[in-house]
PDB file of all heavy atoms in Angstrom:
ATOM      1  N   HIS A   1     -40.310  -5.050  -6.090  1.00  0.00           N
ATOM      2  CA  HIS A   1     -38.924  -4.585  -6.228  1.00  0.00           C
ATOM      3  C   HIS A   1     -38.423  -3.794  -5.017  1.00  0.00           C
ATOM      4  O   HIS A   1     -37.313  -4.023  -4.552  1.00  0.00           O
ATOM      5  CB  HIS A   1     -38.802  -3.698  -7.482  1.00  0.00           C
ATOM      6  CG  HIS A   1     -39.069  -4.426  -8.768  1.00  0.00           C
ATOM      7  ND1 HIS A   1     -38.531  -5.651  -9.062  1.00  0.00           N
ATOM      8  CD2 HIS A   1     -39.820  -4.057  -9.850  1.00  0.00           C
ATOM      9  CE1 HIS A   1     -38.940  -6.038 -10.259  1.00  0.00           C
ATOM     10  NE2 HIS A   1     -39.716  -5.109 -10.730  1.00  0.00           N
ATOM     11  N   GLU A   2     -39.244  -2.914  -4.474  1.00  0.00           N
ATOM     12  CA  GLU A   2     -38.794  -2.065  -3.342  1.00  0.00           C
ATOM     13  C   GLU A   2     -38.517  -2.916  -2.128  1.00  0.00           C
ATOM     14  O   GLU A   2     -37.511  -2.728  -1.461  1.00  0.00           O
ATOM     15  CB  GLU A   2     -39.801  -1.000  -3.080  1.00  0.00           C
ATOM     16  CG  GLU A   2     -39.830   0.114  -4.108  1.00  0.00           C
ATOM     17  CD  GLU A   2     -40.837   1.213  -3.793  1.00  0.00           C
ATOM     18  OE1 GLU A   2     -41.276   1.307  -2.624  1.00  0.00           O
ATOM     19  OE2 GLU A   2     -41.160   1.981  -4.707  1.00  0.00           O
ATOM     20  N   GLN A   3     -39.426  -3.869  -1.850  1.00  0.00           N
ATOM     21  CA  GLN A   3     -39.234  -4.745  -0.692  1.00  0.00           C
ATOM     22  C   GLN A   3     -38.009  -5.650  -0.889  1.00  0.00           C
ATOM     23  O   GLN A   3     -37.251  -5.895   0.016  1.00  0.00           O
ATOM     24  CB  GLN A   3     -40.475  -5.540  -0.403  1.00  0.00           C
ATOM     25  CG  GLN A   3     -40.397  -6.311   0.899  1.00  0.00           C
ATOM     26  CD  GLN A   3     -41.690  -7.040   1.229  1.00  0.00           C
ATOM     27  OE1 GLN A   3     -42.626  -7.078   0.450  1.00  0.00           O
ATOM     28  NE2 GLN A   3     -41.725  -7.669   2.390  1.00  0.00           N
ATOM     29  N   ALA A   4     -37.833  -6.132  -2.132  1.00  0.00           N
ATOM     30  CA  ALA A   4     -36.677  -6.982  -2.434  1.00  0.00           C
ATOM     31  C   ALA A   4     -35.378  -6.227  -2.220  1.00  0.00           C
ATOM     32  O   ALA A   4     -34.414  -6.730  -1.664  1.00  0.00           O
ATOM     33  CB  ALA A   4     -36.772  -7.558  -3.868  1.00  0.00           C
ATOM     34  N   ASP A   5     -35.366  -4.964  -2.715  1.00  0.00           N
ATOM     35  CA  ASP A   5     -34.157  -4.105  -2.472  1.00  0.00           C
ATOM     36  C   ASP A   5     -33.868  -3.967  -0.991  1.00  0.00           C
ATOM     37  O   ASP A   5     -32.706  -4.080  -0.579  1.00  0.00           O
ATOM     38  CB  ASP A   5     -34.371  -2.745  -3.092  1.00  0.00           C
ATOM     39  CG  ASP A   5     -34.224  -2.717  -4.589  1.00  0.00           C
ATOM     40  OD1 ASP A   5     -33.543  -3.598  -5.158  1.00  0.00           O
ATOM     41  OD2 ASP A   5     -34.770  -1.773  -5.214  1.00  0.00           O
ATOM     42  N   ASP A   6     -34.892  -3.759  -0.215  1.00  0.00           N
ATOM     43  CA  ASP A   6     -34.742  -3.564   1.226  1.00  0.00           C
ATOM     44  C   ASP A   6     -34.226  -4.832   1.901  1.00  0.00           C
ATOM     45  O   ASP A   6     -33.292  -4.778   2.725  1.00  0.00           O
ATOM     46  CB  ASP A   6     -36.107  -3.154   1.820  1.00  0.00           C
ATOM     47  CG  ASP A   6     -35.971  -2.736   3.296  1.00  0.00           C
ATOM     48  OD1 ASP A   6     -35.097  -1.920   3.612  1.00  0.00           O
ATOM     49  OD2 ASP A   6     -36.746  -3.244   4.108  1.00  0.00           O
ATOM     50  N   ILE A   7     -34.763  -5.998   1.490  1.00  0.00           N
ATOM     51  CA  ILE A   7     -34.312  -7.276   2.073  1.00  0.00           C
ATOM     52  C   ILE A   7     -32.836  -7.523   1.774  1.00  0.00           C
ATOM     53  O   ILE A   7     -32.035  -7.826   2.631  1.00  0.00           O
ATOM     54  CB  ILE A   7     -35.185  -8.443   1.588  1.00  0.00           C
ATOM     55  CG1 ILE A   7     -36.608  -8.307   2.169  1.00  0.00           C
ATOM     56  CG2 ILE A   7     -34.555  -9.796   1.876  1.00  0.00           C
ATOM     57  CD1 ILE A   7     -37.618  -9.222   1.487  1.00  0.00           C
ATOM     58  N   VAL A   8     -32.466  -7.365   0.502  1.00  0.00           N
ATOM     59  CA  VAL A   8     -31.063  -7.643   0.116  1.00  0.00           C
ATOM     60  C   VAL A   8     -30.119  -6.635   0.712  1.00  0.00           C
ATOM     61  O   VAL A   8     -29.033  -7.010   1.201  1.00  0.00           O
ATOM     62  CB  VAL A   8     -30.949  -7.707  -1.446  1.00  0.00           C
ATOM     63  CG1 VAL A   8     -29.493  -7.773  -1.879  1.00  0.00           C
ATOM     64  CG2 VAL A   8     -31.738  -8.894  -1.972  1.00  0.00           C
ATOM     65  N   ALA A   9     -30.503  -5.368   0.782  1.00  0.00           N
ATOM     66  CA  ALA A   9     -29.662  -4.350   1.378  1.00  0.00           C
ATOM     67  C   ALA A   9     -29.404  -4.676   2.850  1.00  0.00           C
ATOM     68  O   ALA A   9     -28.291  -4.511   3.347  1.00  0.00           O
ATOM     69  CB  ALA A   9     -30.299  -2.963   1.245  1.00  0.00           C
ATOM     70  N   LYS A  10     -30.431  -5.138   3.557  1.00  0.00           N
ATOM     71  CA  LYS A  10     -30.247  -5.494   4.976  1.00  0.00           C
ATOM     72  C   LYS A  10     -29.336  -6.693   5.149  1.00  0.00           C
ATOM     73  O   LYS A  10     -28.519  -6.761   6.056  1.00  0.00           O
ATOM     74  CB  LYS A  10     -31.609  -5.726   5.648  1.00  0.00           C
ATOM     75  CG  LYS A  10     -32.362  -4.448   5.878  1.00  0.00           C
ATOM     76  CD  LYS A  10     -33.729  -4.694   6.433  1.00  0.00           C
ATOM     77  CE  LYS A  10     -34.471  -3.364   6.639  1.00  0.00           C
ATOM     78  NZ  LYS A  10     -35.842  -3.543   7.120  1.00  0.00           N
ATOM     79  N   LEU A  11     -29.461  -7.677   4.224  1.00  0.00           N
ATOM     80  CA  LEU A  11     -28.568  -8.826   4.279  1.00  0.00           C
ATOM     81  C   LEU A  11     -27.112  -8.398   4.058  1.00  0.00           C
ATOM     82  O   LEU A  11     -26.208  -8.849   4.769  1.00  0.00           O
ATOM     83  CB  LEU A  11     -28.942  -9.854   3.216  1.00  0.00           C
ATOM     84  CG  LEU A  11     -30.186 -10.711   3.541  1.00  0.00           C
ATOM     85  CD1 LEU A  11     -30.599 -11.535   2.302  1.00  0.00           C
ATOM     86  CD2 LEU A  11     -29.874 -11.658   4.696  1.00  0.00           C
ATOM     87  N   GLU A  12     -26.904  -7.535   3.063  1.00  0.00           N
ATOM     88  CA  GLU A  12     -25.560  -7.103   2.789  1.00  0.00           C
ATOM     89  C   GLU A  12     -24.966  -6.251   3.904  1.00  0.00           C
ATOM     90  O   GLU A  12     -23.779  -6.376   4.268  1.00  0.00           O
ATOM     91  CB  GLU A  12     -25.529  -6.349   1.445  1.00  0.00           C
ATOM     92  CG  GLU A  12     -25.768  -7.305   0.264  1.00  0.00           C
ATOM     93  CD  GLU A  12     -25.863  -6.589  -1.054  1.00  0.00           C
ATOM     94  OE1 GLU A  12     -26.015  -5.355  -1.105  1.00  0.00           O
ATOM     95  OE2 GLU A  12     -25.821  -7.307  -2.102  1.00  0.00           O
ATOM     96  N   ALA A  13     -25.826  -5.388   4.496  1.00  0.00           N
ATOM     97  CA  ALA A  13     -25.361  -4.579   5.626  1.00  0.00           C
ATOM     98  C   ALA A  13     -25.015  -5.460   6.831  1.00  0.00           C
ATOM     99  O   ALA A  13     -24.070  -5.210   7.530  1.00  0.00           O
ATOM    100  CB  ALA A  13     -26.479  -3.564   6.008  1.00  0.00           C
ATOM    101  N   GLY A  14     -25.784  -6.555   6.980  1.00  0.00           N
ATOM    102  CA  GLY A  14     -25.495  -7.504   8.058  1.00  0.00           C
ATOM    103  C   GLY A  14     -24.137  -8.206   7.829  1.00  0.00           C
ATOM    104  O   GLY A  14     -23.422  -8.452   8.812  1.00  0.00           O
ATOM    105  N   ALA A  15     -23.816  -8.492   6.597  1.00  0.00           N
ATOM    106  CA  ALA A  15     -22.519  -9.101   6.301  1.00  0.00           C
ATOM    107  C   ALA A  15     -21.368  -8.157   6.643  1.00  0.00           C
ATOM    108  O   ALA A  15     -20.375  -8.564   7.224  1.00  0.00           O
ATOM    109  CB  ALA A  15     -22.436  -9.531   4.825  1.00  0.00           C
ATOM    110  N   VAL A  16     -21.550  -6.891   6.302  1.00  0.00           N
ATOM    111  CA  VAL A  16     -20.508  -5.890   6.657  1.00  0.00           C
ATOM    112  C   VAL A  16     -20.447  -5.732   8.177  1.00  0.00           C
ATOM    113  O   VAL A  16     -19.365  -5.596   8.716  1.00  0.00           O
ATOM    114  CB  VAL A  16     -20.780  -4.543   5.923  1.00  0.00           C
ATOM    115  CG1 VAL A  16     -19.799  -3.492   6.378  1.00  0.00           C
ATOM    116  CG2 VAL A  16     -20.752  -4.724   4.438  1.00  0.00           C
ATOM    117  N   ALA A  17     -21.592  -5.752   8.821  1.00  0.00           N
ATOM    118  CA  ALA A  17     -21.613  -5.624  10.306  1.00  0.00           C
ATOM    119  C   ALA A  17     -20.902  -6.807  10.933  1.00  0.00           C
ATOM    120  O   ALA A  17     -20.221  -6.683  11.994  1.00  0.00           O
ATOM    121  CB  ALA A  17     -23.052  -5.520  10.804  1.00  0.00           C
ATOM    122  N   GLY A  18     -21.016  -7.984  10.311  1.00  0.00           N
ATOM    123  CA  GLY A  18     -20.266  -9.147  10.817  1.00  0.00           C
ATOM    124  C   GLY A  18     -18.783  -8.942  10.702  1.00  0.00           C
ATOM    125  O   GLY A  18     -18.018  -9.299  11.600  1.00  0.00           O
ATOM    126  N   ALA A  19     -18.355  -8.331   9.599  1.00  0.00           N
ATOM    127  CA  ALA A  19     -16.914  -8.027   9.448  1.00  0.00           C
ATOM    128  C   ALA A  19     -16.480  -6.983  10.499  1.00  0.00           C
ATOM    129  O   ALA A  19     -15.407  -7.107  11.064  1.00  0.00           O
ATOM    130  CB  ALA A  19     -16.626  -7.487   8.031  1.00  0.00           C
ATOM    131  N   HIS A  20     -17.369  -6.058  10.766  1.00  0.00           N
ATOM    132  CA  HIS A  20     -17.093  -5.025  11.815  1.00  0.00           C
ATOM    133  C   HIS A  20     -16.868  -5.731  13.156  1.00  0.00           C
ATOM    134  O   HIS A  20     -15.910  -5.437  13.862  1.00  0.00           O
ATOM    135  CB  HIS A  20     -18.297  -4.068  11.922  1.00  0.00           C
ATOM    136  CG  HIS A  20     -18.207  -3.123  13.063  1.00  0.00           C
ATOM    137  ND1 HIS A  20     -18.633  -3.459  14.316  1.00  0.00           N
ATOM    138  CD2 HIS A  20     -17.712  -1.858  13.145  1.00  0.00           C
ATOM    139  CE1 HIS A  20     -18.422  -2.421  15.145  1.00  0.00           C
ATOM    140  NE2 HIS A  20     -17.882  -1.446  14.424  1.00  0.00           N
ATOM    141  N   THR A  21     -17.757  -6.676  13.512  1.00  0.00           N
ATOM    142  CA  THR A  21     -17.604  -7.369  14.772  1.00  0.00           C
ATOM    143  C   THR A  21     -16.287  -8.171  14.813  1.00  0.00           C
ATOM    144  O   THR A  21     -15.589  -8.151  15.801  1.00  0.00           O
ATOM    145  CB  THR A  21     -18.824  -8.329  14.990  1.00  0.00           C
ATOM    146  OG1 THR A  21     -19.992  -7.530  14.980  1.00  0.00           O
ATOM    147  CG2 THR A  21     -18.696  -9.092  16.298  1.00  0.00           C
ATOM    148  N   TRP A  22     -15.996  -8.815  13.708  1.00  0.00           N
ATOM    149  CA  TRP A  22     -14.762  -9.615  13.678  1.00  0.00           C
ATOM    150  C   TRP A  22     -13.530  -8.752  13.872  1.00  0.00           C
ATOM    151  O   TRP A  22     -12.624  -9.070  14.659  1.00  0.00           O
ATOM    152  CB  TRP A  22     -14.706 -10.351  12.331  1.00  0.00           C
ATOM    153  CG  TRP A  22     -13.602 -11.345  12.275  1.00  0.00           C
ATOM    154  CD1 TRP A  22     -13.612 -12.650  12.712  1.00  0.00           C
ATOM    155  CD2 TRP A  22     -12.272 -11.155  11.787  1.00  0.00           C
ATOM    156  NE1 TRP A  22     -12.420 -13.267  12.499  1.00  0.00           N
ATOM    157  CE2 TRP A  22     -11.582 -12.346  11.898  1.00  0.00           C
ATOM    158  CE3 TRP A  22     -11.634 -10.024  11.207  1.00  0.00           C
ATOM    159  CZ2 TRP A  22     -10.242 -12.485  11.524  1.00  0.00           C
ATOM    160  CZ3 TRP A  22     -10.300 -10.202  10.813  1.00  0.00           C
ATOM    161  CH2 TRP A  22      -9.617 -11.423  10.969  1.00  0.00           C
ATOM    162  N   ILE A  23     -13.503  -7.585  13.190  1.00  0.00           N
ATOM    163  CA  ILE A  23     -12.364  -6.649  13.338  1.00  0.00           C
ATOM    164  C   ILE A  23     -12.325  -6.100  14.748  1.00  0.00           C
ATOM    165  O   ILE A  23     -11.286  -5.979  15.383  1.00  0.00           O
ATOM    166  CB  ILE A  23     -12.457  -5.527  12.316  1.00  0.00           C
ATOM    167  CG1 ILE A  23     -12.228  -6.031  10.888  1.00  0.00           C
ATOM    168  CG2 ILE A  23     -11.513  -4.371  12.643  1.00  0.00           C
ATOM    169  CD1 ILE A  23     -10.835  -6.532  10.608  1.00  0.00           C
ATOM    170  N   SER A  24     -13.479  -5.698  15.296  1.00  0.00           N
ATOM    171  CA  SER A  24     -13.559  -5.079  16.635  1.00  0.00           C
ATOM    172  C   SER A  24     -13.061  -6.075  17.706  1.00  0.00           C
ATOM    173  O   SER A  24     -12.506  -5.628  18.728  1.00  0.00           O
ATOM    174  CB  SER A  24     -14.967  -4.650  16.927  1.00  0.00           C
ATOM    175  OG  SER A  24     -15.367  -3.649  16.054  1.00  0.00           O
ATOM    176  N   GLU A  25     -13.284  -7.349  17.503  1.00  0.00           N
ATOM    177  CA  GLU A  25     -12.903  -8.347  18.511  1.00  0.00           C
ATOM    178  C   GLU A  25     -11.532  -8.934  18.277  1.00  0.00           C
ATOM    179  O   GLU A  25     -11.094  -9.794  19.044  1.00  0.00           O
ATOM    180  CB  GLU A  25     -13.958  -9.437  18.563  1.00  0.00           C
ATOM    181  CG  GLU A  25     -15.323  -8.959  19.055  1.00  0.00           C
ATOM    182  CD  GLU A  25     -16.427 -10.006  18.983  1.00  0.00           C
ATOM    183  OE1 GLU A  25     -16.179 -11.115  18.477  1.00  0.00           O
ATOM    184  OE2 GLU A  25     -17.533  -9.723  19.473  1.00  0.00           O
ATOM    185  N   SER A  26     -10.840  -8.475  17.255  1.00  0.00           N
ATOM    186  CA  SER A  26      -9.523  -9.016  16.953  1.00  0.00           C
ATOM    187  C   SER A  26      -8.513  -8.516  17.995  1.00  0.00           C
ATOM    188  O   SER A  26      -8.667  -7.469  18.613  1.00  0.00           O
ATOM    189  CB  SER A  26      -9.073  -8.663  15.560  1.00  0.00           C
ATOM    190  OG  SER A  26      -8.811  -7.268  15.457  1.00  0.00           O
ATOM    191  N   SER A  27      -7.455  -9.256  18.125  1.00  0.00           N
ATOM    192  CA  SER A  27      -6.416  -8.880  19.088  1.00  0.00           C
ATOM    193  C   SER A  27      -5.015  -8.979  18.402  1.00  0.00           C
ATOM    194  O   SER A  27      -4.846  -9.755  17.468  1.00  0.00           O
ATOM    195  CB  SER A  27      -6.396  -9.858  20.275  1.00  0.00           C
ATOM    196  OG  SER A  27      -7.624  -9.828  20.941  1.00  0.00           O
ATOM    197  N   PRO A  28      -4.106  -8.189  18.898  1.00  0.00           N
ATOM    198  CA  PRO A  28      -2.728  -8.284  18.383  1.00  0.00           C
ATOM    199  C   PRO A  28      -2.146  -9.659  18.767  1.00  0.00           C
ATOM    200  O   PRO A  28      -2.615 -10.331  19.656  1.00  0.00           O
ATOM    201  CB  PRO A  28      -1.986  -7.124  19.072  1.00  0.00           C
ATOM    202  CG  PRO A  28      -2.772  -6.868  20.299  1.00  0.00           C
ATOM    203  CD  PRO A  28      -4.199  -7.248  19.981  1.00  0.00           C
ATOM    204  N   PRO A  29      -1.074 -10.030  18.081  1.00  0.00           N
ATOM    205  CA  PRO A  29      -0.409 -11.307  18.422  1.00  0.00           C
ATOM    206  C   PRO A  29      -0.046 -11.332  19.910  1.00  0.00           C
ATOM    207  O   PRO A  29       0.289 -10.299  20.527  1.00  0.00           O
ATOM    208  CB  PRO A  29       0.826 -11.349  17.568  1.00  0.00           C
ATOM    209  CG  PRO A  29       0.531 -10.405  16.445  1.00  0.00           C
ATOM    210  CD  PRO A  29      -0.409  -9.370  16.982  1.00  0.00           C
ATOM    211  N   HIS A  30      -0.133 -12.550  20.509  1.00  0.00           N
ATOM    212  CA  HIS A  30       0.180 -12.716  21.931  1.00  0.00           C
ATOM    213  C   HIS A  30       1.589 -12.247  22.267  1.00  0.00           C
ATOM    214  O   HIS A  30       2.506 -12.477  21.494  1.00  0.00           O
ATOM    215  CB  HIS A  30       0.018 -14.203  22.277  1.00  0.00           C
ATOM    216  CG  HIS A  30       0.138 -14.506  23.708  1.00  0.00           C
ATOM    217  ND1 HIS A  30      -0.758 -14.010  24.682  1.00  0.00           N
ATOM    218  CD2 HIS A  30       1.061 -15.227  24.440  1.00  0.00           C
ATOM    219  CE1 HIS A  30      -0.407 -14.441  25.843  1.00  0.00           C
ATOM    220  NE2 HIS A  30       0.699 -15.165  25.723  1.00  0.00           N
ATOM    221  N   LYS A  31       1.722 -11.574  23.382  1.00  0.00           N
ATOM    222  CA  LYS A  31       3.018 -11.050  23.885  1.00  0.00           C
ATOM    223  C   LYS A  31       3.648  -9.997  22.964  1.00  0.00           C
ATOM    224  O   LYS A  31       4.844  -9.913  22.821  1.00  0.00           O
ATOM    225  CB  LYS A  31       4.000 -12.191  24.135  1.00  0.00           C
ATOM    226  CG  LYS A  31       3.561 -13.150  25.223  1.00  0.00           C
ATOM    227  CD  LYS A  31       4.613 -14.193  25.524  1.00  0.00           C
ATOM    228  CE  LYS A  31       4.117 -15.107  26.592  1.00  0.00           C
ATOM    229  NZ  LYS A  31       5.106 -16.117  26.983  1.00  0.00           N
ATOM    230  N   SER A  32       2.779  -9.157  22.365  1.00  0.00           N
ATOM    231  CA  SER A  32       3.300  -8.066  21.543  1.00  0.00           C
ATOM    232  C   SER A  32       3.706  -6.925  22.454  1.00  0.00           C
ATOM    233  O   SER A  32       3.240  -6.812  23.600  1.00  0.00           O
ATOM    234  CB  SER A  32       2.197  -7.561  20.598  1.00  0.00           C
ATOM    235  OG  SER A  32       1.808  -8.542  19.720  1.00  0.00           O
ATOM    236  N   GLU A  33       4.590  -6.088  21.938  1.00  0.00           N
ATOM    237  CA  GLU A  33       5.048  -4.911  22.711  1.00  0.00           C
ATOM    238  C   GLU A  33       3.861  -3.951  22.849  1.00  0.00           C
ATOM    239  O   GLU A  33       2.985  -3.885  21.979  1.00  0.00           O
ATOM    240  CB  GLU A  33       6.170  -4.228  21.963  1.00  0.00           C
ATOM    241  CG  GLU A  33       7.436  -5.055  21.912  1.00  0.00           C
ATOM    242  CD  GLU A  33       8.569  -4.293  21.267  1.00  0.00           C
ATOM    243  OE1 GLU A  33       8.532  -3.026  21.239  1.00  0.00           O
ATOM    244  OE2 GLU A  33       9.497  -4.948  20.758  1.00  0.00           O
ATOM    245  N   PRO A  34       3.844  -3.190  23.942  1.00  0.00           N
ATOM    246  CA  PRO A  34       2.713  -2.258  24.191  1.00  0.00           C
ATOM    247  C   PRO A  34       2.497  -1.241  23.048  1.00  0.00           C
ATOM    248  O   PRO A  34       1.354  -0.971  22.676  1.00  0.00           O
ATOM    249  CB  PRO A  34       3.111  -1.553  25.489  1.00  0.00           C
ATOM    250  CG  PRO A  34       3.985  -2.501  26.168  1.00  0.00           C
ATOM    251  CD  PRO A  34       4.726  -3.225  25.092  1.00  0.00           C
ATOM    252  N   ARG A  35       3.576  -0.729  22.459  1.00  0.00           N
ATOM    253  CA  ARG A  35       3.405   0.192  21.362  1.00  0.00           C
ATOM    254  C   ARG A  35       2.768  -0.461  20.141  1.00  0.00           C
ATOM    255  O   ARG A  35       1.940   0.142  19.480  1.00  0.00           O
ATOM    256  CB  ARG A  35       4.778   0.808  20.951  1.00  0.00           C
ATOM    257  CG  ARG A  35       5.263   1.835  21.962  1.00  0.00           C
ATOM    258  CD  ARG A  35       6.555   2.440  21.550  1.00  0.00           C
ATOM    259  NE  ARG A  35       6.506   2.917  20.166  1.00  0.00           N
ATOM    260  CZ  ARG A  35       7.443   3.534  19.533  1.00  0.00           C
ATOM    261  NH1 ARG A  35       8.583   3.809  20.203  1.00  0.00           N
ATOM    262  NH2 ARG A  35       7.356   3.946  18.318  1.00  0.00           N
ATOM    263  N   PHE A  36       3.141  -1.705  19.880  1.00  0.00           N
ATOM    264  CA  PHE A  36       2.546  -2.431  18.772  1.00  0.00           C
ATOM    265  C   PHE A  36       1.027  -2.651  19.042  1.00  0.00           C
ATOM    266  O   PHE A  36       0.200  -2.494  18.175  1.00  0.00           O
ATOM    267  CB  PHE A  36       3.230  -3.792  18.577  1.00  0.00           C
ATOM    268  CG  PHE A  36       2.685  -4.567  17.436  1.00  0.00           C
ATOM    269  CD1 PHE A  36       3.087  -4.377  16.125  1.00  0.00           C
ATOM    270  CD2 PHE A  36       1.690  -5.565  17.640  1.00  0.00           C
ATOM    271  CE1 PHE A  36       2.586  -5.075  15.040  1.00  0.00           C
ATOM    272  CE2 PHE A  36       1.158  -6.277  16.584  1.00  0.00           C
ATOM    273  CZ  PHE A  36       1.600  -6.066  15.307  1.00  0.00           C
ATOM    274  N   GLU A  37       0.739  -3.029  20.293  1.00  0.00           N
ATOM    275  CA  GLU A  37      -0.636  -3.279  20.662  1.00  0.00           C
ATOM    276  C   GLU A  37      -1.473  -1.977  20.504  1.00  0.00           C
ATOM    277  O   GLU A  37      -2.640  -2.023  20.028  1.00  0.00           O
ATOM    278  CB  GLU A  37      -0.773  -3.796  22.104  1.00  0.00           C
ATOM    279  CG  GLU A  37      -0.335  -5.227  22.251  1.00  0.00           C
ATOM    280  CD  GLU A  37      -0.472  -5.743  23.683  1.00  0.00           C
ATOM    281  OE1 GLU A  37      -0.981  -4.983  24.568  1.00  0.00           O
ATOM    282  OE2 GLU A  37      -0.114  -6.913  23.894  1.00  0.00           O
ATOM    283  N   ASP A  38      -0.909  -0.860  20.936  1.00  0.00           N
ATOM    284  CA  ASP A  38      -1.627   0.439  20.797  1.00  0.00           C
ATOM    285  C   ASP A  38      -1.917   0.729  19.313  1.00  0.00           C
ATOM    286  O   ASP A  38      -3.028   1.117  18.983  1.00  0.00           O
ATOM    287  CB  ASP A  38      -0.788   1.583  21.386  1.00  0.00           C
ATOM    288  CG  ASP A  38      -0.658   1.527  22.918  1.00  0.00           C
ATOM    289  OD1 ASP A  38      -1.470   0.794  23.560  1.00  0.00           O
ATOM    290  OD2 ASP A  38       0.217   2.204  23.454  1.00  0.00           O
ATOM    291  N   GLY A  39      -0.927   0.511  18.475  1.00  0.00           N
ATOM    292  CA  GLY A  39      -1.140   0.712  17.030  1.00  0.00           C
ATOM    293  C   GLY A  39      -2.149  -0.291  16.466  1.00  0.00           C
ATOM    294  O   GLY A  39      -2.998   0.100  15.619  1.00  0.00           O
ATOM    295  N   TRP A  40      -2.131  -1.512  16.928  1.00  0.00           N
ATOM    296  CA  TRP A  40      -3.069  -2.516  16.476  1.00  0.00           C
ATOM    297  C   TRP A  40      -4.507  -2.094  16.792  1.00  0.00           C
ATOM    298  O   TRP A  40      -5.357  -2.065  15.932  1.00  0.00           O
ATOM    299  CB  TRP A  40      -2.782  -3.841  17.141  1.00  0.00           C
ATOM    300  CG  TRP A  40      -3.742  -4.936  16.823  1.00  0.00           C
ATOM    301  CD1 TRP A  40      -4.972  -5.097  17.323  1.00  0.00           C
ATOM    302  CD2 TRP A  40      -3.532  -5.961  15.847  1.00  0.00           C
ATOM    303  NE1 TRP A  40      -5.595  -6.214  16.735  1.00  0.00           N
ATOM    304  CE2 TRP A  40      -4.723  -6.759  15.852  1.00  0.00           C
ATOM    305  CE3 TRP A  40      -2.499  -6.310  15.031  1.00  0.00           C
ATOM    306  CZ2 TRP A  40      -4.864  -7.880  15.009  1.00  0.00           C
ATOM    307  CZ3 TRP A  40      -2.675  -7.418  14.219  1.00  0.00           C
ATOM    308  CH2 TRP A  40      -3.826  -8.164  14.221  1.00  0.00           C
ATOM    309  N   PHE A  41      -4.713  -1.685  18.055  1.00  0.00           N
ATOM    310  CA  PHE A  41      -6.065  -1.341  18.463  1.00  0.00           C
ATOM    311  C   PHE A  41      -6.546  -0.037  17.767  1.00  0.00           C
ATOM    312  O   PHE A  41      -7.694   0.086  17.414  1.00  0.00           O
ATOM    313  CB  PHE A  41      -6.160  -1.200  19.971  1.00  0.00           C
ATOM    314  CG  PHE A  41      -6.130  -2.555  20.667  1.00  0.00           C
ATOM    315  CD1 PHE A  41      -5.124  -2.888  21.537  1.00  0.00           C
ATOM    316  CD2 PHE A  41      -7.085  -3.514  20.388  1.00  0.00           C
ATOM    317  CE1 PHE A  41      -5.079  -4.107  22.160  1.00  0.00           C
ATOM    318  CE2 PHE A  41      -7.065  -4.748  21.015  1.00  0.00           C
ATOM    319  CZ  PHE A  41      -6.049  -5.067  21.883  1.00  0.00           C
ATOM    320  N   ALA A  42      -5.637   0.921  17.551  1.00  0.00           N
ATOM    321  CA  ALA A  42      -5.985   2.167  16.831  1.00  0.00           C
ATOM    322  C   ALA A  42      -6.425   1.799  15.383  1.00  0.00           C
ATOM    323  O   ALA A  42      -7.399   2.315  14.886  1.00  0.00           O
ATOM    324  CB  ALA A  42      -4.838   3.158  16.856  1.00  0.00           C
ATOM    325  N   GLY A  43      -5.624   0.947  14.750  1.00  0.00           N
ATOM    326  CA  GLY A  43      -5.969   0.542  13.375  1.00  0.00           C
ATOM    327  C   GLY A  43      -7.278  -0.233  13.341  1.00  0.00           C
ATOM    328  O   GLY A  43      -8.105   0.015  12.454  1.00  0.00           O
ATOM    329  N   ALA A  44      -7.471  -1.116  14.289  1.00  0.00           N
ATOM    330  CA  ALA A  44      -8.725  -1.891  14.348  1.00  0.00           C
ATOM    331  C   ALA A  44      -9.936  -0.945  14.558  1.00  0.00           C
ATOM    332  O   ALA A  44     -10.972  -1.132  13.911  1.00  0.00           O
ATOM    333  CB  ALA A  44      -8.664  -2.937  15.466  1.00  0.00           C
TER     334      ALA A  44
END
């Protein structure tokens, strides 16, 4: 049980880390205004 919990927790943490990477690498729409881009990156 303990090892199974550890394995599944690591898989789930990896899925969340994948979402983190996706969000971190996202970009605002092309040719956005600088203020919009600043807000986009702050939110991301």
